[in-house]
Amino acid sequence: MPHEKLSPAQRRELVLLARRGVALREIARQSRLPLSNVQYWVHRAARQRLDRVDFTDRSRRPDRSPLALSPKMVKRILALRHQLRQHESLSSHTTYDSSPMPTQPIPSDLNVLGLAP
């Protein structure tokens, strides 16, 4: 059964009760909230004056993508792609004889970037 969203004033009251010595389980029981919810707000307000605690919701979205490449790395990748395209376009104009082409491994992007394991 979903619980109603607490207002910032209600969250503040939970923390105030805990600071007055009321057991967290008792606060949760009286408030009809999961213990984890009470623990979360008490922990979030720890070591702060109540008038300085932000009891509003926070975004769960990270400040930046943990998998995002740095701008420097993106620039390097784009430059390498451009070089590869130029090389491919030059080699496509070259005429080949009928002898078999030597098979050489083509480096992956990670090898080119020096990121291979």
Foldseek 3Di string as FASTA:
>chain_A
DDDDDDDLVRLLVLLVVVVVPDDLVVSCVVVVHDSVVSVVSNVQCPPHDSVPGDSDDDDPDDPDDPPDDDPVVVVVLVVVVVVVVVVVVVVVPDDDDPDDDDDDDDDDSCVVVVNDD
